[in-house]
Amino acid sequence: MALTYGSYLRIHELLTLQTPVSEGPEHDEMLFIVIHQVYELWFKQQLHEADQAHAQLIGGHESGAAATLRRMRTILKTMVAQIDVLETMTPVQFLSFRKFLENSSGFQSWQFRALEFALGKKSERFIAMHADGSPERAMLDARYRAPTLWDAFAHHLRARGLDVPASVMNRDLIQPVAADPAMQDLLLNLYRTRGDLRSLCEILVDLDEGIQEWRYRHVKMVERTIGFKTGTGGSAGAEYLRSTLFQPLFPDLWAIRSQL
């Protein structure tokens, strides 16, 4: 059989995956499902791109890495824009089917946690949320122990002849990326003398800002929909999401702003 649009993209299978659980079902549950399934597809793509950017940096392909990072930033803009669609659903409309969600929660998205790990925001507690031996736990555990995008960036700087501090090159990979005064000194000099590498740094800042924008819009959407109630699945809801705001992935690139 000849390959068609439908068979290549497996459209028939795709369209069977939206299965509301509410009685009726409630009209707005379909929107809720579609939006979140699309987010999971974007998370998959972002992981795909993050791995590519990592490999390009390690391999010295700076222009390719820059292009990949720009793509990730553009995808983030699309992800943020989708919140506008979700916010067309009023609190009353969401409450019409919320009880049917039982213990499910976006807090359980292992792909988003994997993306956080890949970008340098690591926490072992998110691994423990998934059962021993499950594919989700195995994926998160591998990401938890692997070098981050920041580590690949540091290796690229060293390959370009910069004296990257040993505290960065030999850091504990299971720890989240943290501010490093010696790295900030290097970056300050880089910004003043290496215009080529400065551009790459600014692309990383763009990506970091995009993640922070996503977090902010997410928390405001949750507040708008359920206020400060407990989140679905018993999560802390907006209270937890607020605690994630204004925590940069690449703190050194932000710390140097006041010293330039």
C-alpha atoms as a PDB file:
ATOM      1  CA  MET A   1       0.000   0.000   0.000  1.00  0.00           C
ATOM      2  CA  ALA A   2       1.318   3.450  -0.913  1.00  0.00           C
ATOM      3  CA  LEU A   3       2.294   5.762   1.901  1.00  0.00           C
ATOM      4  CA  THR A   4      -0.314   8.462   2.433  1.00  0.00           C
ATOM      5  CA  TYR A   5      -0.603  11.522   4.672  1.00  0.00           C
ATOM      6  CA  GLY A   6      -2.848   9.596   7.024  1.00  0.00           C
ATOM      7  CA  SER A   7      -0.750   6.448   7.191  1.00  0.00           C
ATOM      8  CA  TYR A   8       2.541   8.336   7.574  1.00  0.00           C
ATOM      9  CA  LEU A   9       1.215  10.403  10.491  1.00  0.00           C
ATOM     10  CA  ARG A  10      -0.986   7.572  11.802  1.00  0.00           C
ATOM     11  CA  ILE A  11      -3.950   9.920  11.921  1.00  0.00           C
ATOM     12  CA  HIS A  12      -6.553   7.233  12.599  1.00  0.00           C
ATOM     13  CA  GLU A  13      -4.640   6.023  15.672  1.00  0.00           C
ATOM     14  CA  LEU A  14      -3.993   9.590  16.806  1.00  0.00           C
ATOM     15  CA  LEU A  15      -7.668  10.522  16.728  1.00  0.00           C
ATOM     16  CA  THR A  16      -8.627   7.578  18.944  1.00  0.00           C
ATOM     17  CA  LEU A  17      -6.473   8.858  21.825  1.00  0.00           C
ATOM     18  CA  GLN A  18      -8.874  11.540  23.061  1.00  0.00           C
ATOM     19  CA  THR A  19     -11.133   9.667  25.475  1.00  0.00           C
ATOM     20  CA  PRO A  20     -13.092  11.848  27.930  1.00  0.00           C
ATOM     21  CA  VAL A  21     -13.979  10.205  31.250  1.00  0.00           C
ATOM     22  CA  SER A  22     -16.675  12.603  32.449  1.00  0.00           C
ATOM     23  CA  GLU A  23     -20.351  11.812  32.253  1.00  0.00           C
ATOM     24  CA  GLY A  24     -21.916  13.101  29.093  1.00  0.00           C
ATOM     25  CA  PRO A  25     -19.042  13.746  28.464  1.00  0.00           C
ATOM     26  CA  GLU A  26     -18.646  17.395  29.438  1.00  0.00           C
ATOM     27  CA  HIS A  27     -17.955  19.510  26.356  1.00  0.00           C
ATOM     28  CA  ASP A  28     -14.763  21.199  27.615  1.00  0.00           C
ATOM     29  CA  GLU A  29     -12.990  17.993  28.622  1.00  0.00           C
ATOM     30  CA  MET A  30     -12.067  17.436  24.971  1.00  0.00           C
ATOM     31  CA  LEU A  31     -10.214  20.754  24.858  1.00  0.00           C
ATOM     32  CA  PHE A  32      -8.427  19.895  28.107  1.00  0.00           C
ATOM     33  CA  ILE A  33      -7.270  16.538  26.723  1.00  0.00           C
ATOM     34  CA  VAL A  34      -6.171  17.872  23.338  1.00  0.00           C
ATOM     35  CA  ILE A  35      -4.178  20.759  24.824  1.00  0.00           C
ATOM     36  CA  HIS A  36      -2.313  18.515  27.239  1.00  0.00           C
ATOM     37  CA  GLN A  37      -1.615  15.845  24.641  1.00  0.00           C
ATOM     38  CA  VAL A  38      -0.190  18.552  22.383  1.00  0.00           C
ATOM     39  CA  TYR A  39       1.987  19.734  25.264  1.00  0.00           C
ATOM     40  CA  GLU A  40       3.352  16.226  25.700  1.00  0.00           C
ATOM     41  CA  LEU A  41       4.204  16.146  21.982  1.00  0.00           C
ATOM     42  CA  TRP A  42       6.024  19.467  22.347  1.00  0.00           C
ATOM     43  CA  PHE A  43       7.901  18.131  25.384  1.00  0.00           C
ATOM     44  CA  LYS A  44       8.983  15.165  23.266  1.00  0.00           C
ATOM     45  CA  GLN A  45      10.192  17.505  20.539  1.00  0.00           C
ATOM     46  CA  GLN A  46      11.987  19.747  23.023  1.00  0.00           C
ATOM     47  CA  LEU A  47      13.851  16.754  24.437  1.00  0.00           C
ATOM     48  CA  HIS A  48      14.768  15.763  20.887  1.00  0.00           C
ATOM     49  CA  GLU A  49      16.096  19.271  20.224  1.00  0.00           C
ATOM     50  CA  ALA A  50      17.908  19.517  23.568  1.00  0.00           C
ATOM     51  CA  ASP A  51      19.785  16.296  22.812  1.00  0.00           C
ATOM     52  CA  GLN A  52      20.700  17.675  19.406  1.00  0.00           C
ATOM     53  CA  ALA A  53      21.964  20.970  20.863  1.00  0.00           C
ATOM     54  CA  HIS A  54      23.975  19.040  23.459  1.00  0.00           C
ATOM     55  CA  ALA A  55      25.624  16.887  20.796  1.00  0.00           C
ATOM     56  CA  GLN A  56      26.328  19.897  18.587  1.00  0.00           C
ATOM     57  CA  LEU A  57      28.019  21.778  21.416  1.00  0.00           C
ATOM     58  CA  ILE A  58      30.148  18.771  22.371  1.00  0.00           C
ATOM     59  CA  GLY A  59      31.039  18.272  18.711  1.00  0.00           C
ATOM     60  CA  GLY A  60      32.034  21.900  18.195  1.00  0.00           C
ATOM     61  CA  HIS A  61      29.185  22.680  15.772  1.00  0.00           C
ATOM     62  CA  GLU A  62      28.422  26.101  17.198  1.00  0.00           C
ATOM     63  CA  SER A  63      26.235  27.430  14.390  1.00  0.00           C
ATOM     64  CA  GLY A  64      24.133  24.271  14.432  1.00  0.00           C
ATOM     65  CA  ALA A  65      23.751  24.454  18.208  1.00  0.00           C
ATOM     66  CA  ALA A  66      22.689  28.090  17.972  1.00  0.00           C
ATOM     67  CA  ALA A  67      20.051  27.238  15.364  1.00  0.00           C
ATOM     68  CA  THR A  68      18.718  24.368  17.480  1.00  0.00           C
ATOM     69  CA  LEU A  69      18.507  26.545  20.594  1.00  0.00           C
ATOM     70  CA  ARG A  70      16.611  29.187  18.606  1.00  0.00           C
ATOM     71  CA  ARG A  71      14.166  26.503  17.500  1.00  0.00           C
ATOM     72  CA  MET A  72      13.623  25.482  21.119  1.00  0.00           C
ATOM     73  CA  ARG A  73      12.890  29.105  22.003  1.00  0.00           C
ATOM     74  CA  THR A  74      10.406  29.383  19.136  1.00  0.00           C
ATOM     75  CA  ILE A  75       8.651  26.194  20.262  1.00  0.00           C
ATOM     76  CA  LEU A  76       8.392  27.665  23.762  1.00  0.00           C
ATOM     77  CA  LYS A  77       6.595  30.679  22.327  1.00  0.00           C
ATOM     78  CA  THR A  78       4.058  28.323  20.769  1.00  0.00           C
ATOM     79  CA  MET A  79       3.678  26.449  24.056  1.00  0.00           C
ATOM     80  CA  VAL A  80       3.007  29.699  25.908  1.00  0.00           C
ATOM     81  CA  ALA A  81       0.497  30.805  23.264  1.00  0.00           C
ATOM     82  CA  GLN A  82      -1.466  27.582  23.780  1.00  0.00           C
ATOM     83  CA  ILE A  83      -2.259  28.752  27.300  1.00  0.00           C
ATOM     84  CA  ASP A  84      -4.415  31.438  25.685  1.00  0.00           C
ATOM     85  CA  VAL A  85      -6.563  28.653  24.254  1.00  0.00           C
ATOM     86  CA  LEU A  86      -6.782  26.839  27.583  1.00  0.00           C
ATOM     87  CA  GLU A  87      -7.824  30.066  29.304  1.00  0.00           C
ATOM     88  CA  THR A  88     -10.950  30.254  27.159  1.00  0.00           C
ATOM     89  CA  MET A  89     -12.251  27.580  29.532  1.00  0.00           C
ATOM     90  CA  THR A  90     -13.840  29.206  32.575  1.00  0.00           C
ATOM     91  CA  PRO A  91     -13.440  27.897  36.147  1.00  0.00           C
ATOM     92  CA  VAL A  92     -17.032  26.607  36.069  1.00  0.00           C
ATOM     93  CA  GLN A  93     -16.387  24.727  32.831  1.00  0.00           C
ATOM     94  CA  PHE A  94     -13.260  23.099  34.290  1.00  0.00           C
ATOM     95  CA  LEU A  95     -15.031  22.159  37.505  1.00  0.00           C
ATOM     96  CA  SER A  96     -17.702  20.375  35.469  1.00  0.00           C
ATOM     97  CA  PHE A  97     -15.247  17.519  34.848  1.00  0.00           C
ATOM     98  CA  ARG A  98     -12.391  18.072  37.322  1.00  0.00           C
ATOM     99  CA  LYS A  99     -13.626  15.446  39.780  1.00  0.00           C
ATOM    100  CA  PHE A 100     -13.346  12.784  37.075  1.00  0.00           C
ATOM    101  CA  LEU A 101      -9.604  13.361  36.762  1.00  0.00           C
ATOM    102  CA  GLU A 102      -9.105  11.612  40.146  1.00  0.00           C
ATOM    103  CA  ASN A 103      -5.352  11.445  40.926  1.00  0.00           C
ATOM    104  CA  SER A 104      -4.061  12.493  37.515  1.00  0.00           C
ATOM    105  CA  SER A 105      -2.083  15.721  37.443  1.00  0.00           C
ATOM    106  CA  GLY A 106       0.273  17.581  35.141  1.00  0.00           C
ATOM    107  CA  PHE A 107       2.660  17.392  38.095  1.00  0.00           C
ATOM    108  CA  GLN A 108       3.190  13.769  36.997  1.00  0.00           C
ATOM    109  CA  SER A 109       4.482  14.646  33.496  1.00  0.00           C
ATOM    110  CA  TRP A 110       7.753  12.741  33.302  1.00  0.00           C
ATOM    111  CA  GLN A 111       8.634  14.292  29.958  1.00  0.00           C
ATOM    112  CA  PHE A 112       8.543  17.801  31.422  1.00  0.00           C
ATOM    113  CA  ARG A 113      10.719  16.647  34.326  1.00  0.00           C
ATOM    114  CA  ALA A 114      13.112  15.039  31.842  1.00  0.00           C
ATOM    115  CA  LEU A 115      13.321  18.360  29.989  1.00  0.00           C
ATOM    116  CA  GLU A 116      14.036  20.158  33.253  1.00  0.00           C
ATOM    117  CA  PHE A 117      16.806  17.651  34.002  1.00  0.00           C
ATOM    118  CA  ALA A 118      18.298  18.076  30.529  1.00  0.00           C
ATOM    119  CA  LEU A 119      18.396  21.839  31.016  1.00  0.00           C
ATOM    120  CA  GLY A 120      19.974  21.632  34.472  1.00  0.00           C
ATOM    121  CA  LYS A 121      17.088  21.756  36.957  1.00  0.00           C
ATOM    122  CA  LYS A 122      17.430  18.401  38.712  1.00  0.00           C
ATOM    123  CA  SER A 123      15.609  16.934  41.698  1.00  0.00           C
ATOM    124  CA  GLU A 124      15.641  13.282  42.719  1.00  0.00           C
ATOM    125  CA  ARG A 125      12.174  13.484  44.263  1.00  0.00           C
ATOM    126  CA  PHE A 126      10.573  13.589  40.827  1.00  0.00           C
ATOM    127  CA  ILE A 127      12.136  10.223  39.994  1.00  0.00           C
ATOM    128  CA  ALA A 128      10.635   8.633  43.105  1.00  0.00           C
ATOM    129  CA  MET A 129       7.130   9.583  41.917  1.00  0.00           C
ATOM    130  CA  HIS A 130       7.307   6.769  39.351  1.00  0.00           C
ATOM    131  CA  ALA A 131       7.310   3.033  40.023  1.00  0.00           C
ATOM    132  CA  ASP A 132      10.526   1.015  40.155  1.00  0.00           C
ATOM    133  CA  GLY A 133      11.151  -0.672  36.831  1.00  0.00           C
ATOM    134  CA  SER A 134       8.809   1.620  34.892  1.00  0.00           C
ATOM    135  CA  PRO A 135       9.967   3.187  31.616  1.00  0.00           C
ATOM    136  CA  GLU A 136       9.209   6.606  33.078  1.00  0.00           C
ATOM    137  CA  ARG A 137      11.520   6.080  36.039  1.00  0.00           C
ATOM    138  CA  ALA A 138      14.281   4.665  33.843  1.00  0.00           C
ATOM    139  CA  MET A 139      14.081   7.682  31.535  1.00  0.00           C
ATOM    140  CA  LEU A 140      14.225  10.158  34.406  1.00  0.00           C
ATOM    141  CA  ASP A 141      17.030   8.315  36.148  1.00  0.00           C
ATOM    142  CA  ALA A 142      19.149   8.394  32.987  1.00  0.00           C
ATOM    143  CA  ARG A 143      18.510  12.127  32.533  1.00  0.00           C
ATOM    144  CA  TYR A 144      19.246  12.745  36.197  1.00  0.00           C
ATOM    145  CA  ARG A 145      22.723  11.252  35.905  1.00  0.00           C
ATOM    146  CA  ALA A 146      23.572  12.694  32.490  1.00  0.00           C
ATOM    147  CA  PRO A 147      25.395  15.969  31.733  1.00  0.00           C
ATOM    148  CA  THR A 148      23.119  18.950  31.156  1.00  0.00           C
ATOM    149  CA  LEU A 149      23.017  21.493  28.369  1.00  0.00           C
ATOM    150  CA  TRP A 150      25.069  23.823  30.592  1.00  0.00           C
ATOM    151  CA  ASP A 151      27.752  21.151  30.917  1.00  0.00           C
ATOM    152  CA  ALA A 152      27.884  20.828  27.131  1.00  0.00           C
ATOM    153  CA  PHE A 153      28.191  24.623  26.880  1.00  0.00           C
ATOM    154  CA  ALA A 154      31.096  24.596  29.346  1.00  0.00           C
ATOM    155  CA  HIS A 155      32.864  21.888  27.323  1.00  0.00           C
ATOM    156  CA  HIS A 156      32.351  23.953  24.174  1.00  0.00           C
ATOM    157  CA  LEU A 157      33.907  27.016  25.795  1.00  0.00           C
ATOM    158  CA  ARG A 158      36.920  24.988  26.842  1.00  0.00           C
ATOM    159  CA  ALA A 159      37.271  23.612  23.306  1.00  0.00           C
ATOM    160  CA  ARG A 160      37.234  27.202  22.058  1.00  0.00           C
ATOM    161  CA  GLY A 161      40.250  27.967  24.230  1.00  0.00           C
ATOM    162  CA  LEU A 162      38.684  29.419  27.377  1.00  0.00           C
ATOM    163  CA  ASP A 163      39.933  28.415  30.814  1.00  0.00           C
ATOM    164  CA  VAL A 164      36.665  27.096  32.221  1.00  0.00           C
ATOM    165  CA  PRO A 165      36.913  26.679  36.025  1.00  0.00           C
ATOM    166  CA  ALA A 166      37.475  23.170  37.336  1.00  0.00           C
ATOM    167  CA  SER A 167      34.496  23.717  39.643  1.00  0.00           C
ATOM    168  CA  VAL A 168      32.305  23.779  36.525  1.00  0.00           C
ATOM    169  CA  MET A 169      34.057  21.125  34.472  1.00  0.00           C
ATOM    170  CA  ASN A 170      34.128  18.638  37.352  1.00  0.00           C
ATOM    171  CA  ARG A 171      30.841  19.458  39.039  1.00  0.00           C
ATOM    172  CA  ASP A 172      28.549  16.759  40.447  1.00  0.00           C
ATOM    173  CA  LEU A 173      26.229  15.997  37.537  1.00  0.00           C
ATOM    174  CA  ILE A 174      23.282  14.965  39.700  1.00  0.00           C
ATOM    175  CA  GLN A 175      23.147  18.418  41.258  1.00  0.00           C
ATOM    176  CA  PRO A 176      21.184  21.273  39.689  1.00  0.00           C
ATOM    177  CA  VAL A 177      23.237  23.895  37.884  1.00  0.00           C
ATOM    178  CA  ALA A 178      24.252  26.511  40.461  1.00  0.00           C
ATOM    179  CA  ALA A 179      25.877  29.936  40.349  1.00  0.00           C
ATOM    180  CA  ASP A 180      29.678  29.854  40.257  1.00  0.00           C
ATOM    181  CA  PRO A 181      31.666  33.085  40.883  1.00  0.00           C
ATOM    182  CA  ALA A 182      34.679  31.839  38.908  1.00  0.00           C
ATOM    183  CA  MET A 183      32.459  31.050  35.928  1.00  0.00           C
ATOM    184  CA  GLN A 184      30.938  34.508  36.175  1.00  0.00           C
ATOM    185  CA  ASP A 185      34.424  36.058  35.932  1.00  0.00           C
ATOM    186  CA  LEU A 186      35.056  34.045  32.770  1.00  0.00           C
ATOM    187  CA  LEU A 187      31.715  35.065  31.284  1.00  0.00           C
ATOM    188  CA  LEU A 188      32.310  38.739  32.041  1.00  0.00           C
ATOM    189  CA  ASN A 189      35.569  38.623  30.110  1.00  0.00           C
ATOM    190  CA  LEU A 190      33.903  36.632  27.321  1.00  0.00           C
ATOM    191  CA  TYR A 191      31.157  39.251  26.937  1.00  0.00           C
ATOM    192  CA  ARG A 192      33.750  42.019  26.648  1.00  0.00           C
ATOM    193  CA  THR A 193      36.161  40.314  24.289  1.00  0.00           C
ATOM    194  CA  ARG A 194      34.476  37.438  22.430  1.00  0.00           C
ATOM    195  CA  GLY A 195      31.540  38.687  20.391  1.00  0.00           C
ATOM    196  CA  ASP A 196      31.114  35.330  18.664  1.00  0.00           C
ATOM    197  CA  LEU A 197      30.629  33.432  21.895  1.00  0.00           C
ATOM    198  CA  ARG A 198      28.624  36.255  23.428  1.00  0.00           C
ATOM    199  CA  SER A 199      25.950  35.613  20.807  1.00  0.00           C
ATOM    200  CA  LEU A 200      25.712  31.978  21.883  1.00  0.00           C
ATOM    201  CA  CYS A 201      25.357  33.069  25.504  1.00  0.00           C
ATOM    202  CA  GLU A 202      22.490  35.369  24.592  1.00  0.00           C
ATOM    203  CA  ILE A 203      20.671  32.523  22.853  1.00  0.00           C
ATOM    204  CA  LEU A 204      20.916  30.527  26.092  1.00  0.00           C
ATOM    205  CA  VAL A 205      19.499  33.517  27.959  1.00  0.00           C
ATOM    206  CA  ASP A 206      16.624  33.641  25.456  1.00  0.00           C
ATOM    207  CA  LEU A 207      15.888  29.964  26.102  1.00  0.00           C
ATOM    208  CA  ASP A 208      16.074  30.460  29.870  1.00  0.00           C
ATOM    209  CA  GLU A 209      13.736  33.437  29.678  1.00  0.00           C
ATOM    210  CA  GLY A 210      11.324  31.369  27.572  1.00  0.00           C
ATOM    211  CA  ILE A 211      11.153  28.647  30.228  1.00  0.00           C
ATOM    212  CA  GLN A 212      10.538  31.273  32.903  1.00  0.00           C
ATOM    213  CA  GLU A 213       7.785  32.827  30.780  1.00  0.00           C
ATOM    214  CA  TRP A 214       6.170  29.396  30.397  1.00  0.00           C
ATOM    215  CA  ARG A 215       6.253  28.915  34.172  1.00  0.00           C
ATOM    216  CA  TYR A 216       4.708  32.319  34.833  1.00  0.00           C
ATOM    217  CA  ARG A 217       1.877  31.872  32.337  1.00  0.00           C
ATOM    218  CA  HIS A 218       1.259  28.371  33.689  1.00  0.00           C
ATOM    219  CA  VAL A 219       0.908  29.541  37.280  1.00  0.00           C
ATOM    220  CA  LYS A 220      -1.402  32.415  36.296  1.00  0.00           C
ATOM    221  CA  MET A 221      -3.555  30.037  34.279  1.00  0.00           C
ATOM    222  CA  VAL A 222      -3.876  27.725  37.297  1.00  0.00           C
ATOM    223  CA  GLU A 223      -4.689  30.648  39.608  1.00  0.00           C
ATOM    224  CA  ARG A 224      -7.276  31.885  37.121  1.00  0.00           C
ATOM    225  CA  THR A 225      -8.901  28.460  36.885  1.00  0.00           C
ATOM    226  CA  ILE A 226      -8.809  27.070  40.456  1.00  0.00           C
ATOM    227  CA  GLY A 227      -7.334  29.881  42.547  1.00  0.00           C
ATOM    228  CA  PHE A 228      -5.283  28.480  45.412  1.00  0.00           C
ATOM    229  CA  LYS A 229      -7.185  25.228  45.808  1.00  0.00           C
ATOM    230  CA  THR A 230      -5.282  21.969  45.988  1.00  0.00           C
ATOM    231  CA  GLY A 231      -4.249  20.885  42.497  1.00  0.00           C
ATOM    232  CA  THR A 232      -5.598  17.819  40.732  1.00  0.00           C
ATOM    233  CA  GLY A 233      -4.065  14.640  42.074  1.00  0.00           C
ATOM    234  CA  GLY A 234      -3.516  16.307  45.459  1.00  0.00           C
ATOM    235  CA  SER A 235      -0.622  18.501  44.288  1.00  0.00           C
ATOM    236  CA  ALA A 236       0.017  21.890  45.872  1.00  0.00           C
ATOM    237  CA  GLY A 237      -1.354  23.575  42.754  1.00  0.00           C
ATOM    238  CA  ALA A 238      -0.604  27.263  42.306  1.00  0.00           C
ATOM    239  CA  GLU A 239       1.354  27.401  45.570  1.00  0.00           C
ATOM    240  CA  TYR A 240       3.934  24.936  44.236  1.00  0.00           C
ATOM    241  CA  LEU A 241       4.015  26.541  40.793  1.00  0.00           C
ATOM    242  CA  ARG A 242       4.702  29.948  42.350  1.00  0.00           C
ATOM    243  CA  SER A 243       7.752  28.487  44.098  1.00  0.00           C
ATOM    244  CA  THR A 244       9.285  27.635  40.709  1.00  0.00           C
ATOM    245  CA  LEU A 245       9.163  31.204  39.403  1.00  0.00           C
ATOM    246  CA  PHE A 246      12.274  33.325  38.891  1.00  0.00           C
ATOM    247  CA  GLN A 247      14.683  30.415  39.224  1.00  0.00           C
ATOM    248  CA  PRO A 248      16.950  30.663  36.161  1.00  0.00           C
ATOM    249  CA  LEU A 249      18.391  27.577  34.530  1.00  0.00           C
ATOM    250  CA  PHE A 250      21.693  29.314  33.836  1.00  0.00           C
ATOM    251  CA  PRO A 251      22.197  31.588  36.869  1.00  0.00           C
ATOM    252  CA  ASP A 252      25.691  32.743  35.899  1.00  0.00           C
ATOM    253  CA  LEU A 253      24.426  34.295  32.672  1.00  0.00           C
ATOM    254  CA  TRP A 254      21.959  36.385  34.690  1.00  0.00           C
ATOM    255  CA  ALA A 255      24.310  37.232  37.559  1.00  0.00           C
ATOM    256  CA  ILE A 256      26.803  39.014  35.302  1.00  0.00           C
ATOM    257  CA  ARG A 257      24.193  41.517  34.029  1.00  0.00           C
ATOM    258  CA  SER A 258      24.743  43.909  36.913  1.00  0.00           C
ATOM    259  CA  GLN A 259      28.521  43.834  36.408  1.00  0.00           C
ATOM    260  CA  LEU A 260      28.760  44.535  32.680  1.00  0.00           C
END
